[in-house]
Amino acid sequence: MENCLFCKIMKGEIPSAKVYENEYVYAFRDINPQAPTHVLVIPKEHVASLNDTAGIPDRNLAECLRAIPVIAAQEGLTGGYRVISNCGPDACQTVPHLHFHILGGTQLAERMA
């Protein structure tokens, strides 16, 4: 998608702090971290959110999920981490490209809201 912020980041049109990449997935540090470690994991094929995943191959979504523990280990999140995917405006999804937040590096709050 030509105007998608995350597609532009993945293509290198906008700088990012890449932490992981393979054929299906791109992961980079969030510019507004909510924890000491805050990485965004995106599929390389554009899809707006989890609500729209019927249109992409299962492999693309599976590779995102498989990348998460690899990235967490690479980041040294041995005590645990949280994975979040905001879906839609009520969940505060600000970029309409499916993405997973990996949060860790500290004891996270038990409550999510």
PDB file of N, CA and C in Angstrom:
ATOM      1  N   MET A   1       0.839  -1.177   0.000  1.00  0.00           N
ATOM      2  CA  MET A   1       0.000   0.000   0.000  1.00  0.00           C
ATOM      3  C   MET A   1       0.886   1.242   0.000  1.00  0.00           C
ATOM      4  N   GLU A   2       0.705   2.108  -0.942  1.00  0.00           N
ATOM      5  CA  GLU A   2       1.659   3.189  -1.148  1.00  0.00           C
ATOM      6  C   GLU A   2       1.677   4.249  -0.056  1.00  0.00           C
ATOM      7  N   ASN A   3       0.600   4.487   0.655  1.00  0.00           N
ATOM      8  CA  ASN A   3       0.583   5.519   1.694  1.00  0.00           C
ATOM      9  C   ASN A   3       0.680   4.953   3.113  1.00  0.00           C
ATOM     10  N   CYS A   4       0.916   3.675   3.248  1.00  0.00           N
ATOM     11  CA  CYS A   4       0.985   3.043   4.564  1.00  0.00           C
ATOM     12  C   CYS A   4       2.342   3.326   5.218  1.00  0.00           C
ATOM     13  N   LEU A   5       2.307   3.897   6.415  1.00  0.00           N
ATOM     14  CA  LEU A   5       3.524   4.215   7.152  1.00  0.00           C
ATOM     15  C   LEU A   5       4.415   2.993   7.332  1.00  0.00           C
ATOM     16  N   PHE A   6       3.834   1.872   7.756  1.00  0.00           N
ATOM     17  CA  PHE A   6       4.644   0.679   8.021  1.00  0.00           C
ATOM     18  C   PHE A   6       5.186   0.073   6.731  1.00  0.00           C
ATOM     19  N   CYS A   7       4.436   0.153   5.630  1.00  0.00           N
ATOM     20  CA  CYS A   7       4.964  -0.323   4.345  1.00  0.00           C
ATOM     21  C   CYS A   7       6.167   0.521   3.934  1.00  0.00           C
ATOM     22  N   LYS A   8       6.086   1.825   4.159  1.00  0.00           N
ATOM     23  CA  LYS A   8       7.211   2.709   3.832  1.00  0.00           C
ATOM     24  C   LYS A   8       8.430   2.405   4.709  1.00  0.00           C
ATOM     25  N   ILE A   9       8.190   2.115   5.982  1.00  0.00           N
ATOM     26  CA  ILE A   9       9.292   1.739   6.885  1.00  0.00           C
ATOM     27  C   ILE A   9       9.937   0.451   6.399  1.00  0.00           C
ATOM     28  N   MET A  10       9.122  -0.545   6.089  1.00  0.00           N
ATOM     29  CA  MET A  10       9.631  -1.838   5.652  1.00  0.00           C
ATOM     30  C   MET A  10      10.447  -1.711   4.361  1.00  0.00           C
ATOM     31  N   LYS A  11      10.038  -0.814   3.456  1.00  0.00           N
ATOM     32  CA  LYS A  11      10.741  -0.620   2.185  1.00  0.00           C
ATOM     33  C   LYS A  11      11.986   0.257   2.329  1.00  0.00           C
ATOM     34  N   GLY A  12      12.211   0.816   3.527  1.00  0.00           N
ATOM     35  CA  GLY A  12      13.375   1.665   3.755  1.00  0.00           C
ATOM     36  C   GLY A  12      13.156   3.109   3.343  1.00  0.00           C
ATOM     37  N   GLU A  13      11.944   3.481   2.990  1.00  0.00           N
ATOM     38  CA  GLU A  13      11.638   4.866   2.618  1.00  0.00           C
ATOM     39  C   GLU A  13      11.609   5.783   3.834  1.00  0.00           C
ATOM     40  N   ILE A  14      11.332   5.198   4.996  1.00  0.00           N
ATOM     41  CA  ILE A  14      11.363   5.905   6.277  1.00  0.00           C
ATOM     42  C   ILE A  14      12.323   5.125   7.168  1.00  0.00           C
ATOM     43  N   PRO A  15      13.268   5.789   7.815  1.00  0.00           N
ATOM     44  CA  PRO A  15      14.238   5.067   8.654  1.00  0.00           C
ATOM     45  C   PRO A  15      13.571   4.361   9.839  1.00  0.00           C
ATOM     46  N   SER A  16      14.168   3.238  10.214  1.00  0.00           N
ATOM     47  CA  SER A  16      13.714   2.509  11.401  1.00  0.00           C
ATOM     48  C   SER A  16      14.911   1.790  12.009  1.00  0.00           C
ATOM     49  N   ALA A  17      14.724   1.379  13.247  1.00  0.00           N
ATOM     50  CA  ALA A  17      15.748   0.583  13.937  1.00  0.00           C
ATOM     51  C   ALA A  17      15.344  -0.883  13.803  1.00  0.00           C
ATOM     52  N   LYS A  18      15.744  -1.495  12.704  1.00  0.00           N
ATOM     53  CA  LYS A  18      15.377  -2.888  12.428  1.00  0.00           C
ATOM     54  C   LYS A  18      16.024  -3.817  13.443  1.00  0.00           C
ATOM     55  N   VAL A  19      15.227  -4.786  13.922  1.00  0.00           N
ATOM     56  CA  VAL A  19      15.770  -5.802  14.828  1.00  0.00           C
ATOM     57  C   VAL A  19      15.676  -7.208  14.240  1.00  0.00           C
ATOM     58  N   TYR A  20      14.836  -7.381  13.204  1.00  0.00           N
ATOM     59  CA  TYR A  20      14.649  -8.721  12.626  1.00  0.00           C
ATOM     60  C   TYR A  20      14.004  -8.576  11.256  1.00  0.00           C
ATOM     61  N   GLU A  21      14.396  -9.482  10.361  1.00  0.00           N
ATOM     62  CA  GLU A  21      13.747  -9.517   9.052  1.00  0.00           C
ATOM     63  C   GLU A  21      13.941 -10.889   8.444  1.00  0.00           C
ATOM     64  N   ASN A  22      12.892 -11.370   7.784  1.00  0.00           N
ATOM     65  CA  ASN A  22      13.004 -12.551   6.940  1.00  0.00           C
ATOM     66  C   ASN A  22      12.127 -12.310   5.705  1.00  0.00           C
ATOM     67  N   GLU A  23      11.872 -13.329   4.944  1.00  0.00           N
ATOM     68  CA  GLU A  23      11.103 -13.189   3.707  1.00  0.00           C
ATOM     69  C   GLU A  23       9.690 -12.654   3.938  1.00  0.00           C
ATOM     70  N   TYR A  24       9.106 -12.919   5.117  1.00  0.00           N
ATOM     71  CA  TYR A  24       7.701 -12.603   5.384  1.00  0.00           C
ATOM     72  C   TYR A  24       7.467 -11.509   6.418  1.00  0.00           C
ATOM     73  N   VAL A  25       8.489 -11.221   7.228  1.00  0.00           N
ATOM     74  CA  VAL A  25       8.308 -10.401   8.427  1.00  0.00           C
ATOM     75  C   VAL A  25       9.380  -9.316   8.499  1.00  0.00           C
ATOM     76  N   TYR A  26       8.977  -8.169   9.024  1.00  0.00           N
ATOM     77  CA  TYR A  26       9.911  -7.096   9.335  1.00  0.00           C
ATOM     78  C   TYR A  26       9.610  -6.646  10.755  1.00  0.00           C
ATOM     79  N   ALA A  27      10.632  -6.460  11.580  1.00  0.00           N
ATOM     80  CA  ALA A  27      10.444  -6.030  12.968  1.00  0.00           C
ATOM     81  C   ALA A  27      11.391  -4.877  13.273  1.00  0.00           C
ATOM     82  N   PHE A  28      10.874  -3.891  14.001  1.00  0.00           N
ATOM     83  CA  PHE A  28      11.647  -2.688  14.301  1.00  0.00           C
ATOM     84  C   PHE A  28      11.216  -2.112  15.643  1.00  0.00           C
ATOM     85  N   ARG A  29      12.072  -1.270  16.212  1.00  0.00           N
ATOM     86  CA  ARG A  29      11.784  -0.658  17.504  1.00  0.00           C
ATOM     87  C   ARG A  29      10.715   0.423  17.350  1.00  0.00           C
ATOM     88  N   ASP A  30       9.794   0.458  18.319  1.00  0.00           N
ATOM     89  CA  ASP A  30       8.755   1.482  18.339  1.00  0.00           C
ATOM     90  C   ASP A  30       9.396   2.832  18.660  1.00  0.00           C
ATOM     91  N   ILE A  31       8.974   3.884  17.962  1.00  0.00           N
ATOM     92  CA  ILE A  31       9.561   5.209  18.222  1.00  0.00           C
ATOM     93  C   ILE A  31       8.999   5.850  19.480  1.00  0.00           C
ATOM     94  N   ASN A  32       7.941   5.285  20.040  1.00  0.00           N
ATOM     95  CA  ASN A  32       7.349   5.783  21.284  1.00  0.00           C
ATOM     96  C   ASN A  32       7.200   4.594  22.241  1.00  0.00           C
ATOM     97  N   PRO A  33       8.320   4.068  22.752  1.00  0.00           N
ATOM     98  CA  PRO A  33       8.267   2.823  23.526  1.00  0.00           C
ATOM     99  C   PRO A  33       7.441   2.930  24.806  1.00  0.00           C
ATOM    100  N   GLN A  34       6.670   1.890  25.056  1.00  0.00           N
ATOM    101  CA  GLN A  34       5.841   1.794  26.253  1.00  0.00           C
ATOM    102  C   GLN A  34       6.472   0.890  27.307  1.00  0.00           C
ATOM    103  N   ALA A  35       7.646   0.357  27.016  1.00  0.00           N
ATOM    104  CA  ALA A  35       8.413  -0.495  27.932  1.00  0.00           C
ATOM    105  C   ALA A  35       9.875  -0.387  27.497  1.00  0.00           C
ATOM    106  N   PRO A  36      10.823  -0.816  28.343  1.00  0.00           N
ATOM    107  CA  PRO A  36      12.228  -0.747  27.948  1.00  0.00           C
ATOM    108  C   PRO A  36      12.504  -1.429  26.597  1.00  0.00           C
ATOM    109  N   THR A  37      11.836  -2.541  26.343  1.00  0.00           N
ATOM    110  CA  THR A  37      11.898  -3.173  25.026  1.00  0.00           C
ATOM    111  C   THR A  37      10.508  -3.083  24.417  1.00  0.00           C
ATOM    112  N   HIS A  38      10.422  -2.470  23.253  1.00  0.00           N
ATOM    113  CA  HIS A  38       9.144  -2.332  22.548  1.00  0.00           C
ATOM    114  C   HIS A  38       9.431  -2.475  21.057  1.00  0.00           C
ATOM    115  N   VAL A  39       9.115  -3.641  20.519  1.00  0.00           N
ATOM    116  CA  VAL A  39       9.386  -3.962  19.124  1.00  0.00           C
ATOM    117  C   VAL A  39       8.058  -4.199  18.419  1.00  0.00           C
ATOM    118  N   LEU A  40       7.952  -3.708  17.188  1.00  0.00           N
ATOM    119  CA  LEU A  40       6.779  -3.949  16.349  1.00  0.00           C
ATOM    120  C   LEU A  40       7.129  -4.999  15.309  1.00  0.00           C
ATOM    121  N   VAL A  41       6.261  -5.979  15.153  1.00  0.00           N
ATOM    122  CA  VAL A  41       6.442  -7.053  14.185  1.00  0.00           C
ATOM    123  C   VAL A  41       5.327  -6.931  13.162  1.00  0.00           C
ATOM    124  N   ILE A  42       5.696  -6.791  11.875  1.00  0.00           N
ATOM    125  CA  ILE A  42       4.692  -6.625  10.825  1.00  0.00           C
ATOM    126  C   ILE A  42       4.890  -7.665   9.727  1.00  0.00           C
ATOM    127  N   PRO A  43       3.781  -8.099   9.111  1.00  0.00           N
ATOM    128  CA  PRO A  43       3.937  -8.923   7.909  1.00  0.00           C
ATOM    129  C   PRO A  43       4.358  -8.024   6.750  1.00  0.00           C
ATOM    130  N   LYS A  44       5.169  -8.549   5.846  1.00  0.00           N
ATOM    131  CA  LYS A  44       5.601  -7.751   4.701  1.00  0.00           C
ATOM    132  C   LYS A  44       4.465  -7.520   3.712  1.00  0.00           C
ATOM    133  N   GLU A  45       3.504  -8.406   3.702  1.00  0.00           N
ATOM    134  CA  GLU A  45       2.333  -8.194   2.851  1.00  0.00           C
ATOM    135  C   GLU A  45       1.336  -7.337   3.617  1.00  0.00           C
ATOM    136  N   HIS A  46       0.892  -6.260   3.009  1.00  0.00           N
ATOM    137  CA  HIS A  46      -0.009  -5.337   3.704  1.00  0.00           C
ATOM    138  C   HIS A  46      -1.362  -5.985   3.980  1.00  0.00           C
ATOM    139  N   VAL A  47      -1.773  -5.862   5.228  1.00  0.00           N
ATOM    140  CA  VAL A  47      -3.120  -6.219   5.667  1.00  0.00           C
ATOM    141  C   VAL A  47      -3.431  -5.260   6.803  1.00  0.00           C
ATOM    142  N   ALA A  48      -4.649  -4.728   6.837  1.00  0.00           N
ATOM    143  CA  ALA A  48      -4.965  -3.638   7.764  1.00  0.00           C
ATOM    144  C   ALA A  48      -4.956  -4.064   9.230  1.00  0.00           C
ATOM    145  N   SER A  49      -5.527  -5.212   9.548  1.00  0.00           N
ATOM    146  CA  SER A  49      -5.607  -5.649  10.950  1.00  0.00           C
ATOM    147  C   SER A  49      -5.950  -7.137  10.983  1.00  0.00           C
ATOM    148  N   LEU A  50      -6.071  -7.672  12.173  1.00  0.00           N
ATOM    149  CA  LEU A  50      -6.483  -9.071  12.306  1.00  0.00           C
ATOM    150  C   LEU A  50      -7.849  -9.322  11.680  1.00  0.00           C
ATOM    151  N   ASN A  51      -8.676  -8.294  11.598  1.00  0.00           N
ATOM    152  CA  ASN A  51      -9.993  -8.444  10.975  1.00  0.00           C
ATOM    153  C   ASN A  51      -9.903  -8.724   9.484  1.00  0.00           C
ATOM    154  N   ASP A  52      -8.755  -8.467   8.882  1.00  0.00           N
ATOM    155  CA  ASP A  52      -8.607  -8.574   7.431  1.00  0.00           C
ATOM    156  C   ASP A  52      -7.664  -9.692   6.997  1.00  0.00           C
ATOM    157  N   THR A  53      -7.338 -10.606   7.872  1.00  0.00           N
ATOM    158  CA  THR A  53      -6.330 -11.618   7.554  1.00  0.00           C
ATOM    159  C   THR A  53      -6.827 -12.706   6.613  1.00  0.00           C
ATOM    160  N   ALA A  54      -8.115 -12.764   6.331  1.00  0.00           N
ATOM    161  CA  ALA A  54      -8.625 -13.782   5.408  1.00  0.00           C
ATOM    162  C   ALA A  54      -8.031 -13.612   4.016  1.00  0.00           C
ATOM    163  N   GLY A  55      -7.569 -12.413   3.696  1.00  0.00           N
ATOM    164  CA  GLY A  55      -7.056 -12.140   2.358  1.00  0.00           C
ATOM    165  C   GLY A  55      -5.577 -12.412   2.156  1.00  0.00           C
ATOM    166  N   ILE A  56      -4.856 -12.841   3.187  1.00  0.00           N
ATOM    167  CA  ILE A  56      -3.427 -13.108   3.009  1.00  0.00           C
ATOM    168  C   ILE A  56      -3.149 -14.592   3.288  1.00  0.00           C
ATOM    169  N   PRO A  57      -2.078 -15.121   2.708  1.00  0.00           N
ATOM    170  CA  PRO A  57      -1.745 -16.530   2.950  1.00  0.00           C
ATOM    171  C   PRO A  57      -1.479 -16.796   4.433  1.00  0.00           C
ATOM    172  N   ASP A  58      -1.872 -17.963   4.890  1.00  0.00           N
ATOM    173  CA  ASP A  58      -1.656 -18.351   6.285  1.00  0.00           C
ATOM    174  C   ASP A  58      -0.181 -18.250   6.673  1.00  0.00           C
ATOM    175  N   ARG A  59       0.703 -18.536   5.746  1.00  0.00           N
ATOM    176  CA  ARG A  59       2.140 -18.515   6.039  1.00  0.00           C
ATOM    177  C   ARG A  59       2.583 -17.135   6.515  1.00  0.00           C
ATOM    178  N   ASN A  60       2.021 -16.078   5.944  1.00  0.00           N
ATOM    179  CA  ASN A  60       2.420 -14.723   6.324  1.00  0.00           C
ATOM    180  C   ASN A  60       2.096 -14.441   7.790  1.00  0.00           C
ATOM    181  N   LEU A  61       0.909 -14.828   8.211  1.00  0.00           N
ATOM    182  CA  LEU A  61       0.516 -14.634   9.608  1.00  0.00           C
ATOM    183  C   LEU A  61       1.312 -15.561  10.524  1.00  0.00           C
ATOM    184  N   ALA A  62       1.482 -16.806  10.118  1.00  0.00           N
ATOM    185  CA  ALA A  62       2.233 -17.765  10.933  1.00  0.00           C
ATOM    186  C   ALA A  62       3.673 -17.302  11.141  1.00  0.00           C
ATOM    187  N   GLU A  63       4.283 -16.744  10.110  1.00  0.00           N
ATOM    188  CA  GLU A  63       5.668 -16.284  10.233  1.00  0.00           C
ATOM    189  C   GLU A  63       5.794 -15.134  11.229  1.00  0.00           C
ATOM    190  N   CYS A  64       4.782 -14.272  11.298  1.00  0.00           N
ATOM    191  CA  CYS A  64       4.797 -13.213  12.320  1.00  0.00           C
ATOM    192  C   CYS A  64       4.821 -13.831  13.705  1.00  0.00           C
ATOM    193  N   LEU A  65       3.942 -14.791  13.930  1.00  0.00           N
ATOM    194  CA  LEU A  65       3.860 -15.419  15.250  1.00  0.00           C
ATOM    195  C   LEU A  65       5.120 -16.213  15.575  1.00  0.00           C
ATOM    196  N   ARG A  66       5.695 -16.881  14.592  1.00  0.00           N
ATOM    197  CA  ARG A  66       6.935 -17.638  14.821  1.00  0.00           C
ATOM    198  C   ARG A  66       8.117 -16.710  15.098  1.00  0.00           C
ATOM    199  N   ALA A  67       8.092 -15.517  14.528  1.00  0.00           N
ATOM    200  CA  ALA A  67       9.195 -14.575  14.731  1.00  0.00           C
ATOM    201  C   ALA A  67       9.205 -14.002  16.141  1.00  0.00           C
ATOM    202  N   ILE A  68       8.055 -13.908  16.775  1.00  0.00           N
ATOM    203  CA  ILE A  68       7.961 -13.240  18.077  1.00  0.00           C
ATOM    204  C   ILE A  68       8.879 -13.864  19.132  1.00  0.00           C
ATOM    205  N   PRO A  69       8.845 -15.174  19.371  1.00  0.00           N
ATOM    206  CA  PRO A  69       9.767 -15.707  20.392  1.00  0.00           C
ATOM    207  C   PRO A  69      11.235 -15.603  19.986  1.00  0.00           C
ATOM    208  N   VAL A  70      11.521 -15.636  18.699  1.00  0.00           N
ATOM    209  CA  VAL A  70      12.900 -15.466  18.229  1.00  0.00           C
ATOM    210  C   VAL A  70      13.383 -14.056  18.574  1.00  0.00           C
ATOM    211  N   ILE A  71      12.549 -13.074  18.300  1.00  0.00           N
ATOM    212  CA  ILE A  71      12.897 -11.679  18.598  1.00  0.00           C
ATOM    213  C   ILE A  71      13.014 -11.474  20.105  1.00  0.00           C
ATOM    214  N   ALA A  72      12.082 -12.041  20.871  1.00  0.00           N
ATOM    215  CA  ALA A  72      12.124 -11.905  22.330  1.00  0.00           C
ATOM    216  C   ALA A  72      13.427 -12.474  22.886  1.00  0.00           C
ATOM    217  N   ALA A  73      13.847 -13.622  22.386  1.00  0.00           N
ATOM    218  CA  ALA A  73      15.106 -14.218  22.844  1.00  0.00           C
ATOM    219  C   ALA A  73      16.286 -13.343  22.431  1.00  0.00           C
ATOM    220  N   GLN A  74      16.261 -12.859  21.209  1.00  0.00           N
ATOM    221  CA  GLN A  74      17.322 -11.977  20.704  1.00  0.00           C
ATOM    222  C   GLN A  74      17.438 -10.712  21.553  1.00  0.00           C
ATOM    223  N   GLU A  75      16.300 -10.225  22.057  1.00  0.00           N
ATOM    224  CA  GLU A  75      16.259  -9.014  22.874  1.00  0.00           C
ATOM    225  C   GLU A  75      16.543  -9.286  24.352  1.00  0.00           C
ATOM    226  N   GLY A  76      16.742 -10.551  24.711  1.00  0.00           N
ATOM    227  CA  GLY A  76      17.072 -10.904  26.084  1.00  0.00           C
ATOM    228  C   GLY A  76      15.886 -10.885  27.036  1.00  0.00           C
ATOM    229  N   LEU A  77      14.693 -11.093  26.521  1.00  0.00           N
ATOM    230  CA  LEU A  77      13.490 -11.061  27.362  1.00  0.00           C
ATOM    231  C   LEU A  77      13.254 -12.417  28.018  1.00  0.00           C
ATOM    232  N   THR A  78      14.201 -12.834  28.847  1.00  0.00           N
ATOM    233  CA  THR A  78      14.156 -14.156  29.466  1.00  0.00           C
ATOM    234  C   THR A  78      13.122 -14.263  30.577  1.00  0.00           C
ATOM    235  N   GLY A  79      12.729 -13.131  31.166  1.00  0.00           N
ATOM    236  CA  GLY A  79      11.747 -13.151  32.249  1.00  0.00           C
ATOM    237  C   GLY A  79      10.313 -13.090  31.770  1.00  0.00           C
ATOM    238  N   GLY A  80      10.127 -12.940  30.471  1.00  0.00           N
ATOM    239  CA  GLY A  80       8.796 -12.881  29.896  1.00  0.00           C
ATOM    240  C   GLY A  80       8.574 -11.607  29.105  1.00  0.00           C
ATOM    241  N   TYR A  81       7.482 -11.588  28.390  1.00  0.00           N
ATOM    242  CA  TYR A  81       7.135 -10.446  27.554  1.00  0.00           C
ATOM    243  C   TYR A  81       5.644 -10.502  27.249  1.00  0.00           C
ATOM    244  N   ARG A  82       5.134  -9.400  26.756  1.00  0.00           N
ATOM    245  CA  ARG A  82       3.716  -9.299  26.392  1.00  0.00           C
ATOM    246  C   ARG A  82       3.628  -9.062  24.888  1.00  0.00           C
ATOM    247  N   VAL A  83       2.625  -9.681  24.254  1.00  0.00           N
ATOM    248  CA  VAL A  83       2.367  -9.487  22.831  1.00  0.00           C
ATOM    249  C   VAL A  83       0.966  -8.920  22.688  1.00  0.00           C
ATOM    250  N   ILE A  84       0.857  -7.807  21.950  1.00  0.00           N
ATOM    251  CA  ILE A  84      -0.429  -7.126  21.780  1.00  0.00           C
ATOM    252  C   ILE A  84      -0.620  -6.800  20.308  1.00  0.00           C
ATOM    253  N   SER A  85      -1.845  -6.953  19.832  1.00  0.00           N
ATOM    254  CA  SER A  85      -2.201  -6.464  18.506  1.00  0.00           C
ATOM    255  C   SER A  85      -3.489  -5.659  18.653  1.00  0.00           C
ATOM    256  N   ASN A  86      -3.387  -4.354  18.513  1.00  0.00           N
ATOM    257  CA  ASN A  86      -4.560  -3.495  18.574  1.00  0.00           C
ATOM    258  C   ASN A  86      -5.327  -3.646  17.261  1.00  0.00           C
ATOM    259  N   CYS A  87      -6.639  -3.701  17.364  1.00  0.00           N
ATOM    260  CA  CYS A  87      -7.464  -3.966  16.186  1.00  0.00           C
ATOM    261  C   CYS A  87      -8.613  -2.965  16.141  1.00  0.00           C
ATOM    262  N   GLY A  88      -8.447  -1.933  15.350  1.00  0.00           N
ATOM    263  CA  GLY A  88      -9.495  -0.938  15.172  1.00  0.00           C
ATOM    264  C   GLY A  88      -9.338   0.269  16.069  1.00  0.00           C
ATOM    265  N   PRO A  89     -10.151   1.297  15.809  1.00  0.00           N
ATOM    266  CA  PRO A  89     -10.019   2.570  16.527  1.00  0.00           C
ATOM    267  C   PRO A  89     -10.294   2.482  18.029  1.00  0.00           C
ATOM    268  N   ASP A  90     -11.233   1.650  18.459  1.00  0.00           N
ATOM    269  CA  ASP A  90     -11.512   1.545  19.889  1.00  0.00           C
ATOM    270  C   ASP A  90     -10.351   0.923  20.659  1.00  0.00           C
ATOM    271  N   ALA A  91      -9.503   0.189  19.965  1.00  0.00           N
ATOM    272  CA  ALA A  91      -8.311  -0.400  20.583  1.00  0.00           C
ATOM    273  C   ALA A  91      -7.087   0.487  20.390  1.00  0.00           C
ATOM    274  N   CYS A  92      -7.288   1.659  19.795  1.00  0.00           N
ATOM    275  CA  CYS A  92      -6.220   2.627  19.535  1.00  0.00           C
ATOM    276  C   CYS A  92      -5.213   2.143  18.500  1.00  0.00           C
ATOM    277  N   GLN A  93      -5.677   1.410  17.490  1.00  0.00           N
ATOM    278  CA  GLN A  93      -4.803   1.063  16.378  1.00  0.00           C
ATOM    279  C   GLN A  93      -4.606   2.323  15.551  1.00  0.00           C
ATOM    280  N   THR A  94      -3.398   2.859  15.559  1.00  0.00           N
ATOM    281  CA  THR A  94      -3.139   4.135  14.890  1.00  0.00           C
ATOM    282  C   THR A  94      -2.570   3.970  13.484  1.00  0.00           C
ATOM    283  N   VAL A  95      -2.010   2.815  13.174  1.00  0.00           N
ATOM    284  CA  VAL A  95      -1.500   2.553  11.828  1.00  0.00           C
ATOM    285  C   VAL A  95      -2.270   1.352  11.271  1.00  0.00           C
ATOM    286  N   PRO A  96      -2.977   1.527  10.164  1.00  0.00           N
ATOM    287  CA  PRO A  96      -3.770   0.431   9.615  1.00  0.00           C
ATOM    288  C   PRO A  96      -2.933  -0.572   8.819  1.00  0.00           C
ATOM    289  N   HIS A  97      -2.000  -1.191   9.503  1.00  0.00           N
ATOM    290  CA  HIS A  97      -1.193  -2.299   8.979  1.00  0.00           C
ATOM    291  C   HIS A  97      -1.049  -3.248  10.154  1.00  0.00           C
ATOM    292  N   LEU A  98      -1.447  -4.492   9.971  1.00  0.00           N
ATOM    293  CA  LEU A  98      -1.363  -5.470  11.054  1.00  0.00           C
ATOM    294  C   LEU A  98       0.016  -5.424  11.688  1.00  0.00           C
ATOM    295  N   HIS A  99       0.048  -5.336  13.015  1.00  0.00           N
ATOM    296  CA  HIS A  99       1.323  -5.366  13.718  1.00  0.00           C
ATOM    297  C   HIS A  99       1.133  -5.908  15.125  1.00  0.00           C
ATOM    298  N   PHE A 100       2.188  -6.504  15.605  1.00  0.00           N
ATOM    299  CA  PHE A 100       2.223  -7.067  16.944  1.00  0.00           C
ATOM    300  C   PHE A 100       3.270  -6.308  17.741  1.00  0.00           C
ATOM    301  N   HIS A 101       2.893  -5.867  18.929  1.00  0.00           N
ATOM    302  CA  HIS A 101       3.821  -5.206  19.841  1.00  0.00           C
ATOM    303  C   HIS A 101       4.437  -6.276  20.738  1.00  0.00           C
ATOM    304  N   ILE A 102       5.738  -6.288  20.854  1.00  0.00           N
ATOM    305  CA  ILE A 102       6.428  -7.101  21.855  1.00  0.00           C
ATOM    306  C   ILE A 102       6.910  -6.121  22.915  1.00  0.00           C
ATOM    307  N   LEU A 103       6.427  -6.299  24.138  1.00  0.00           N
ATOM    308  CA  LEU A 103       6.773  -5.415  25.255  1.00  0.00           C
ATOM    309  C   LEU A 103       7.458  -6.220  26.345  1.00  0.00           C
ATOM    310  N   GLY A 104       8.548  -5.693  26.876  1.00  0.00           N
ATOM    311  CA  GLY A 104       9.225  -6.393  27.958  1.00  0.00           C
ATOM    312  C   GLY A 104      10.398  -5.589  28.477  1.00  0.00           C
ATOM    313  N   GLY A 105      11.243  -6.275  29.212  1.00  0.00           N
ATOM    314  CA  GLY A 105      12.417  -5.633  29.773  1.00  0.00           C
ATOM    315  C   GLY A 105      12.211  -5.093  31.167  1.00  0.00           C
ATOM    316  N   THR A 106      11.012  -5.295  31.715  1.00  0.00           N
ATOM    317  CA  THR A 106      10.680  -4.862  33.069  1.00  0.00           C
ATOM    318  C   THR A 106       9.437  -5.653  33.510  1.00  0.00           C
ATOM    319  N   GLN A 107       9.121  -5.580  34.788  1.00  0.00           N
ATOM    320  CA  GLN A 107       7.865  -6.155  35.275  1.00  0.00           C
ATOM    321  C   GLN A 107       6.728  -5.305  34.740  1.00  0.00           C
ATOM    322  N   LEU A 108       5.874  -5.866  33.917  1.00  0.00           N
ATOM    323  CA  LEU A 108       4.754  -5.138  33.342  1.00  0.00           C
ATOM    324  C   LEU A 108       3.571  -5.147  34.299  1.00  0.00           C
ATOM    325  N   ALA A 109       2.720  -4.154  34.172  1.00  0.00           N
ATOM    326  CA  ALA A 109       1.531  -4.075  35.025  1.00  0.00           C
ATOM    327  C   ALA A 109       0.611  -5.262  34.753  1.00  0.00           C
ATOM    328  N   GLU A 110      -0.012  -5.759  35.809  1.00  0.00           N
ATOM    329  CA  GLU A 110      -0.931  -6.886  35.643  1.00  0.00           C
ATOM    330  C   GLU A 110      -2.159  -6.479  34.845  1.00  0.00           C
ATOM    331  N   ARG A 111      -2.650  -5.285  35.114  1.00  0.00           N
ATOM    332  CA  ARG A 111      -3.833  -4.782  34.412  1.00  0.00           C
ATOM    333  C   ARG A 111      -3.439  -4.236  33.050  1.00  0.00           C
ATOM    334  N   MET A 112      -4.297  -4.397  32.088  1.00  0.00           N
ATOM    335  CA  MET A 112      -4.021  -3.925  30.738  1.00  0.00           C
ATOM    336  C   MET A 112      -4.758  -2.615  30.446  1.00  0.00           C
ATOM    337  N   ALA A 113      -5.674  -2.236  31.280  1.00  0.00           N
ATOM    338  CA  ALA A 113      -6.449  -1.000  31.005  1.00  0.00           C
ATOM    339  C   ALA A 113      -6.430  -0.080  32.204  1.00  0.00           C
TER     340      ALA A 113
END
